[in-house]
């Protein structure tokens, strides 16, 4: 499932739960018809945060720290950590081989 398709399923649920939600920031994977759709159907402004084309290398993006901080909070709980094994032999096998 693409980011756009996932957002199209998730955003109506989120808008229904958080009535005051008016603006959502997303990366470049959410461009296209989704920006128009959210405004027309949900009344939410979808703000796409993009990297500058002229800057090479690392560039801090506006409000990106909010997302990164939230991920850090979620991953602080041991049960939610995806990769906490120290040795690859103890890690679960990948589902790619199925």
C-alpha atoms as a PDB file:
ATOM      1  CA  UNK A   1       0.000   0.000   0.000  1.00  0.00           C
ATOM      2  CA  UNK A   2       1.370   3.413  -0.873  1.00  0.00           C
ATOM      3  CA  UNK A   3       1.605   6.296   1.570  1.00  0.00           C
ATOM      4  CA  UNK A   4      -1.190   8.115  -0.253  1.00  0.00           C
ATOM      5  CA  UNK A   5      -3.568   5.163  -0.101  1.00  0.00           C
ATOM      6  CA  UNK A   6      -2.813   4.574   3.561  1.00  0.00           C
ATOM      7  CA  UNK A   7      -3.401   8.230   4.376  1.00  0.00           C
ATOM      8  CA  UNK A   8      -6.703   8.155   2.518  1.00  0.00           C
ATOM      9  CA  UNK A   9      -7.877   5.389   4.869  1.00  0.00           C
ATOM     10  CA  UNK A  10      -6.345   6.827   8.031  1.00  0.00           C
ATOM     11  CA  UNK A  11      -7.192  10.527   7.741  1.00  0.00           C
ATOM     12  CA  UNK A  12     -11.024  10.198   7.855  1.00  0.00           C
ATOM     13  CA  UNK A  13     -10.747   8.140  11.051  1.00  0.00           C
ATOM     14  CA  UNK A  14      -8.370  10.678  12.553  1.00  0.00           C
ATOM     15  CA  UNK A  15     -10.533  13.644  11.542  1.00  0.00           C
ATOM     16  CA  UNK A  16     -13.559  11.965  13.107  1.00  0.00           C
ATOM     17  CA  UNK A  17     -11.735  11.440  16.371  1.00  0.00           C
ATOM     18  CA  UNK A  18     -10.008  14.822  16.573  1.00  0.00           C
ATOM     19  CA  UNK A  19     -12.586  17.391  15.481  1.00  0.00           C
ATOM     20  CA  UNK A  20     -10.221  20.361  15.834  1.00  0.00           C
ATOM     21  CA  UNK A  21      -7.675  18.870  13.419  1.00  0.00           C
ATOM     22  CA  UNK A  22      -7.165  21.451  10.684  1.00  0.00           C
ATOM     23  CA  UNK A  23      -3.635  20.910   9.338  1.00  0.00           C
ATOM     24  CA  UNK A  24      -1.549  17.814   8.666  1.00  0.00           C
ATOM     25  CA  UNK A  25       2.095  17.915   7.642  1.00  0.00           C
ATOM     26  CA  UNK A  26       3.394  15.153   5.396  1.00  0.00           C
ATOM     27  CA  UNK A  27       6.436  14.350   3.294  1.00  0.00           C
ATOM     28  CA  UNK A  28       6.694  14.296  -0.488  1.00  0.00           C
ATOM     29  CA  UNK A  29       5.220  10.785  -0.684  1.00  0.00           C
ATOM     30  CA  UNK A  30       1.781  12.286  -0.065  1.00  0.00           C
ATOM     31  CA  UNK A  31       1.705  14.715  -3.000  1.00  0.00           C
ATOM     32  CA  UNK A  32      -0.797  14.591  -5.812  1.00  0.00           C
ATOM     33  CA  UNK A  33      -4.534  14.071  -5.575  1.00  0.00           C
ATOM     34  CA  UNK A  34      -4.415  13.519  -1.811  1.00  0.00           C
ATOM     35  CA  UNK A  35      -3.876  17.211  -1.059  1.00  0.00           C
ATOM     36  CA  UNK A  36      -7.034  18.166  -2.963  1.00  0.00           C
ATOM     37  CA  UNK A  37      -9.012  15.240  -1.558  1.00  0.00           C
ATOM     38  CA  UNK A  38      -8.279  16.072   2.096  1.00  0.00           C
ATOM     39  CA  UNK A  39      -9.375  19.668   1.623  1.00  0.00           C
ATOM     40  CA  UNK A  40     -12.517  18.801  -0.314  1.00  0.00           C
ATOM     41  CA  UNK A  41     -13.764  15.830   1.718  1.00  0.00           C
ATOM     42  CA  UNK A  42     -12.325  16.371   5.181  1.00  0.00           C
ATOM     43  CA  UNK A  43     -11.764  20.119   5.437  1.00  0.00           C
ATOM     44  CA  UNK A  44      -8.134  19.510   6.426  1.00  0.00           C
ATOM     45  CA  UNK A  45      -5.190  21.371   4.920  1.00  0.00           C
ATOM     46  CA  UNK A  46      -2.457  18.896   3.902  1.00  0.00           C
ATOM     47  CA  UNK A  47       0.873  20.695   4.070  1.00  0.00           C
ATOM     48  CA  UNK A  48       3.656  18.939   2.124  1.00  0.00           C
ATOM     49  CA  UNK A  49       7.105  19.562   3.649  1.00  0.00           C
ATOM     50  CA  UNK A  50       9.730  19.295   0.919  1.00  0.00           C
ATOM     51  CA  UNK A  51      13.477  19.426   0.749  1.00  0.00           C
ATOM     52  CA  UNK A  52      15.044  22.239  -1.216  1.00  0.00           C
ATOM     53  CA  UNK A  53      16.365  21.203  -4.619  1.00  0.00           C
ATOM     54  CA  UNK A  54      19.477  23.407  -4.335  1.00  0.00           C
ATOM     55  CA  UNK A  55      20.765  22.188  -0.948  1.00  0.00           C
ATOM     56  CA  UNK A  56      22.802  18.997  -0.983  1.00  0.00           C
ATOM     57  CA  UNK A  57      23.317  16.767   2.042  1.00  0.00           C
ATOM     58  CA  UNK A  58      21.526  17.149   5.362  1.00  0.00           C
ATOM     59  CA  UNK A  59      18.882  19.820   5.620  1.00  0.00           C
ATOM     60  CA  UNK A  60      16.605  20.141   8.660  1.00  0.00           C
ATOM     61  CA  UNK A  61      12.993  20.336   7.533  1.00  0.00           C
ATOM     62  CA  UNK A  62      10.377  22.520   9.225  1.00  0.00           C
ATOM     63  CA  UNK A  63       8.503  20.728  12.034  1.00  0.00           C
ATOM     64  CA  UNK A  64      10.194  17.410  11.209  1.00  0.00           C
ATOM     65  CA  UNK A  65      11.519  17.277  14.775  1.00  0.00           C
ATOM     66  CA  UNK A  66       7.943  16.771  16.020  1.00  0.00           C
ATOM     67  CA  UNK A  67       7.660  13.524  14.065  1.00  0.00           C
ATOM     68  CA  UNK A  68      11.107  12.310  15.091  1.00  0.00           C
ATOM     69  CA  UNK A  69      10.403  13.108  18.765  1.00  0.00           C
ATOM     70  CA  UNK A  70       7.125  11.171  18.613  1.00  0.00           C
ATOM     71  CA  UNK A  71       8.885   8.132  17.127  1.00  0.00           C
ATOM     72  CA  UNK A  72      11.484   8.327  19.916  1.00  0.00           C
ATOM     73  CA  UNK A  73       8.732   8.350  22.564  1.00  0.00           C
ATOM     74  CA  UNK A  74       7.030   5.321  21.030  1.00  0.00           C
ATOM     75  CA  UNK A  75      10.257   3.364  20.627  1.00  0.00           C
ATOM     76  CA  UNK A  76      11.356   4.082  24.201  1.00  0.00           C
ATOM     77  CA  UNK A  77       9.012   1.333  25.385  1.00  0.00           C
ATOM     78  CA  UNK A  78      10.873  -1.977  25.007  1.00  0.00           C
ATOM     79  CA  UNK A  79       7.894  -3.873  23.633  1.00  0.00           C
ATOM     80  CA  UNK A  80       7.566  -1.425  20.765  1.00  0.00           C
ATOM     81  CA  UNK A  81      11.233  -1.519  19.787  1.00  0.00           C
ATOM     82  CA  UNK A  82      11.605  -3.291  16.491  1.00  0.00           C
ATOM     83  CA  UNK A  83      15.260  -4.340  16.660  1.00  0.00           C
ATOM     84  CA  UNK A  84      16.461  -4.862  20.216  1.00  0.00           C
ATOM     85  CA  UNK A  85      18.420  -8.074  19.721  1.00  0.00           C
ATOM     86  CA  UNK A  86      22.178  -7.714  19.953  1.00  0.00           C
ATOM     87  CA  UNK A  87      23.031 -10.735  17.825  1.00  0.00           C
ATOM     88  CA  UNK A  88      21.564 -11.521  14.434  1.00  0.00           C
ATOM     89  CA  UNK A  89      21.315 -15.207  15.361  1.00  0.00           C
ATOM     90  CA  UNK A  90      18.677 -14.334  17.978  1.00  0.00           C
ATOM     91  CA  UNK A  91      16.650 -12.084  15.668  1.00  0.00           C
ATOM     92  CA  UNK A  92      13.446 -13.412  14.151  1.00  0.00           C
ATOM     93  CA  UNK A  93      13.775 -14.649  10.570  1.00  0.00           C
ATOM     94  CA  UNK A  94      12.757 -12.227   7.886  1.00  0.00           C
ATOM     95  CA  UNK A  95       9.386 -12.724   6.207  1.00  0.00           C
ATOM     96  CA  UNK A  96      11.051 -11.957   2.849  1.00  0.00           C
ATOM     97  CA  UNK A  97      12.023 -15.612   2.417  1.00  0.00           C
ATOM     98  CA  UNK A  98       8.439 -16.854   2.598  1.00  0.00           C
END
